[in-house]
Every structure is written in structure tokens, then in C-alpha cells.
Amino acid sequence: MSTAYVIVTIVGALMAAFSAVSIFTRAKWVVQPLADYSVPRSWWNPLGVAKAAGAIGLIAGLWIPVLGVAAGIGLVLYFAGAVITVLRAHWPSHVAFPLMYMAPVAASLVLYFAA
């Protein structure tokens, strides 16, 4: 396990956890775009749970690799879905945000499989 892998995985987990907390606390800068994208309010908590579970899975994956891989794949799929949601809502200027959260998770998977 390389130092780069550990650092990138921790950064990805922290970013996913921050994003989850932002949904749970209903931070305006997070929930207002969700409303603008027509994401039903009833989905917000499950989306936050998915991100929190992914963050925990990434950290657990440092000791149990299969959990980290599963969490990483799940988060990449989650953020890919977020990109699609943003594009379908015709807000292409906002695509950078889910990609920013996806990047360290995807990099973590690349570093894991490169080792």
C-alpha cells in the first residue's frame, strides 16, 4: 500500500463525508442546487447516507481492501449519477462540482489497482 494511495483515499473519504454532512445539515449551498435540479427532497437523506457509507467504506478499505474497492466504485457511480443529474437539469456550469468530489475517489481506485 503506497503512501499516495493512503493520502488520496483519506482525502476522498473526507470529501465524501463533508458532502454527506452538508446534506444532513441542509447547507443552503448544497440543498438549493438539489432543489434546482429537481431532486426530490425525500431523496436527500438517502443520498447523504450513500455518501457517508462510501466515506466509511473508503477508510475501512485501508484495512479490508474489498470494502475500499466496493466503496470507491459506489462513490464513482454516485458522482457519475450526479453529473448526469446536473446535465439533465441544464446546468453544465455546475458539472465541475460532482467531478471535483469524484476525482480523489477515482484516483484512489487507480492507485489501488496500479499497485
Protein backbone atom coordinates (compact mmCIF):
# COMPACT_ATOMS: atom_id res chain seq x y z
CA MET A 1 0.00 0.00 0.00
CA SER A 2 1.64 3.22 -1.15
CA THR A 3 1.67 6.50 0.72
CA ALA A 4 -0.01 8.19 -2.25
CA TYR A 5 -2.84 5.66 -2.14
CA VAL A 6 -3.40 6.22 1.58
CA ILE A 7 -3.37 10.01 1.27
CA VAL A 8 -5.65 10.13 -1.78
CA THR A 9 -8.06 7.64 -0.17
CA ILE A 10 -8.25 9.68 3.03
CA VAL A 11 -8.82 12.89 1.04
CA GLY A 12 -11.59 11.21 -0.97
CA ALA A 13 -13.21 9.88 2.20
CA LEU A 14 -13.05 13.28 3.90
CA MET A 15 -14.56 14.99 0.87
CA ALA A 16 -17.39 12.43 0.66
CA ALA A 17 -18.02 12.76 4.41
CA PHE A 18 -18.06 16.56 4.15
CA SER A 19 -20.56 16.32 1.31
CA ALA A 20 -22.75 13.95 3.36
CA VAL A 21 -22.68 16.24 6.39
CA SER A 22 -23.56 19.18 4.14
CA ILE A 23 -26.72 17.39 3.02
CA PHE A 24 -27.64 16.28 6.56
CA THR A 25 -27.23 19.82 7.90
CA ARG A 26 -29.15 21.21 4.89
CA ALA A 27 -26.38 23.62 3.95
CA LYS A 28 -28.03 26.09 1.59
CA TRP A 29 -25.18 25.90 -0.94
CA VAL A 30 -25.89 22.17 -1.27
CA VAL A 31 -29.65 21.84 -0.99
CA GLN A 32 -30.55 24.83 -3.15
CA PRO A 33 -28.89 23.26 -6.22
CA LEU A 34 -30.55 19.93 -5.40
CA ALA A 35 -33.90 21.71 -5.48
CA ASP A 36 -32.91 23.49 -8.71
CA TYR A 37 -32.02 20.13 -10.28
CA SER A 38 -35.45 18.77 -9.23
CA VAL A 39 -34.00 16.14 -6.90
CA PRO A 40 -36.93 15.16 -4.64
CA ARG A 41 -36.49 16.26 -1.04
CA SER A 42 -37.30 12.70 0.07
CA TRP A 43 -34.05 11.56 -1.61
CA TRP A 44 -31.75 13.95 0.24
CA ASN A 45 -31.19 11.84 3.37
CA PRO A 46 -30.64 8.60 1.42
CA LEU A 47 -28.14 10.43 -0.79
CA GLY A 48 -26.34 11.66 2.31
CA VAL A 49 -26.33 8.13 3.74
CA ALA A 50 -24.85 6.79 0.50
CA LYS A 51 -22.02 9.33 0.63
CA ALA A 52 -21.40 8.70 4.34
CA ALA A 53 -21.32 4.93 3.76
CA GLY A 54 -18.89 5.45 0.89
CA ALA A 55 -16.63 7.56 3.08
CA ILE A 56 -16.63 4.94 5.83
CA GLY A 57 -16.03 2.20 3.27
CA LEU A 58 -13.02 4.01 1.82
CA ILE A 59 -11.44 4.29 5.26
CA ALA A 60 -12.29 0.67 6.11
CA GLY A 61 -10.73 -0.29 2.80
CA LEU A 62 -7.33 0.69 4.13
CA TRP A 63 -7.57 -2.49 6.26
CA ILE A 64 -10.10 -4.54 4.27
CA PRO A 65 -9.33 -3.81 0.60
CA VAL A 66 -12.52 -5.30 -0.84
CA LEU A 67 -14.58 -2.77 1.17
CA GLY A 68 -12.50 0.11 -0.16
CA VAL A 69 -12.89 -1.06 -3.74
CA ALA A 70 -16.64 -1.51 -3.33
CA ALA A 71 -16.98 1.90 -1.66
CA GLY A 72 -14.84 3.53 -4.34
CA ILE A 73 -16.88 2.04 -7.15
CA GLY A 74 -20.08 3.03 -5.40
CA LEU A 75 -18.94 6.62 -4.93
CA VAL A 76 -17.72 6.91 -8.52
CA LEU A 77 -21.13 5.68 -9.69
CA TYR A 78 -22.85 8.07 -7.26
CA PHE A 79 -20.93 11.08 -8.55
CA ALA A 80 -21.40 9.96 -12.17
CA GLY A 81 -25.12 10.00 -11.43
CA ALA A 82 -24.71 13.48 -10.00
CA VAL A 83 -23.02 14.61 -13.23
CA ILE A 84 -25.91 13.18 -15.24
CA THR A 85 -28.43 14.89 -12.95
CA VAL A 86 -26.69 18.25 -13.35
CA LEU A 87 -26.55 17.88 -17.13
CA ARG A 88 -30.19 16.81 -17.37
CA ALA A 89 -31.13 19.91 -15.35
CA HIS A 90 -29.29 22.03 -17.96
CA TRP A 91 -26.71 23.41 -15.51
CA PRO A 92 -23.47 22.49 -17.31
CA SER A 93 -21.56 25.15 -15.39
CA HIS A 94 -22.12 23.06 -12.22
CA VAL A 95 -20.65 19.80 -13.58
CA ALA A 96 -17.28 20.62 -12.04
CA PHE A 97 -18.64 20.13 -8.52
CA PRO A 98 -19.51 16.42 -8.65
CA LEU A 99 -16.37 15.82 -10.73
CA MET A 100 -14.31 17.51 -8.00
CA TYR A 101 -15.68 15.05 -5.44
CA MET A 102 -15.28 12.09 -7.82
CA ALA A 103 -11.64 12.80 -8.69
CA PRO A 104 -9.91 11.65 -5.48
CA VAL A 105 -12.13 8.56 -5.25
CA ALA A 106 -11.35 7.58 -8.84
CA ALA A 107 -7.66 8.30 -8.22
CA SER A 108 -7.78 6.07 -5.16
CA LEU A 109 -9.11 3.19 -7.26
CA VAL A 110 -6.46 3.78 -9.92
CA LEU A 111 -3.70 3.80 -7.31
CA TYR A 112 -5.06 0.66 -5.68
CA PHE A 113 -5.15 -1.31 -8.92
CA ALA A 114 -1.79 0.08 -10.06
CA ALA A 115 -0.03 -1.36 -7.02
